[in-house]
C-alpha cells in the first residue's frame, strides 16, 4: 500500500492499531484496504479478511473529517483526523457494517449501506436504480447506485418540496449534499 506524503494521520499505524484490537478480541478477521494508493481526500475502501482468507467489502473511511466550507481547497492540516480518530473510524465502520446486516439494510458490493426508508426503489441488473418508477440520472446519464459512497448510512429522506435527499450523517461538507428532484435528476447543494 502506497500512501501520499502526509505525516498525519498515519493510516498504516491506525490500521495496525485496529487490527491489534480485533486480534485481541478474537473476532476471526482483520481489516485490510483495497486501495493501491491512498490519497488524503479520497475514500479508503475497507475489507474484512477472515482467517480462511475470504474477504468482505465493508465500505469506506477517510483520512480527513468531512466538514466545513470550501472543503476541496481546505489545507489538509485543518481537516485531518488524528491517528486515534482514524483507528476509531475504522472500528466504528466495522461495527456499523454488522449492525446494518442485523437490521437488514441494503448493502452494496462495496459495503456502502443504504436505508431506503419508505422510498419505492428498484435496483436494476446493471446497478442503476429507479425511485418511484423513474430512472435516477446524473448529468443526463443513469446513475449506478454503487457510485454513492458514505462512511455512514445513506438514508433516503423525502423532503417537503417532493425531492429526495440522500442523507449522510457524517458528511457535513457545505455544498456536497446529494438530492434528487421530481424528474429523477441528481443535484448537489
Foldseek 3Di string as FASTA:
>chain_A
DAEDPDVFADQVVLQVVLQVVCVVVVVQWGKDWDDPYAYQADWTWIWIQGPVRDIATAATDHQFAQADEPVVPDDSVVTGDHSVVSSVLVVVSVVQLVVLVVVVFDADRNNATEDADPWDKDQDPVQFIDTPNAFADEPPHGDRPVVDGASHYQYWDQDPQRKTWRDHPRRHYPFATWIADPNNYIDTD
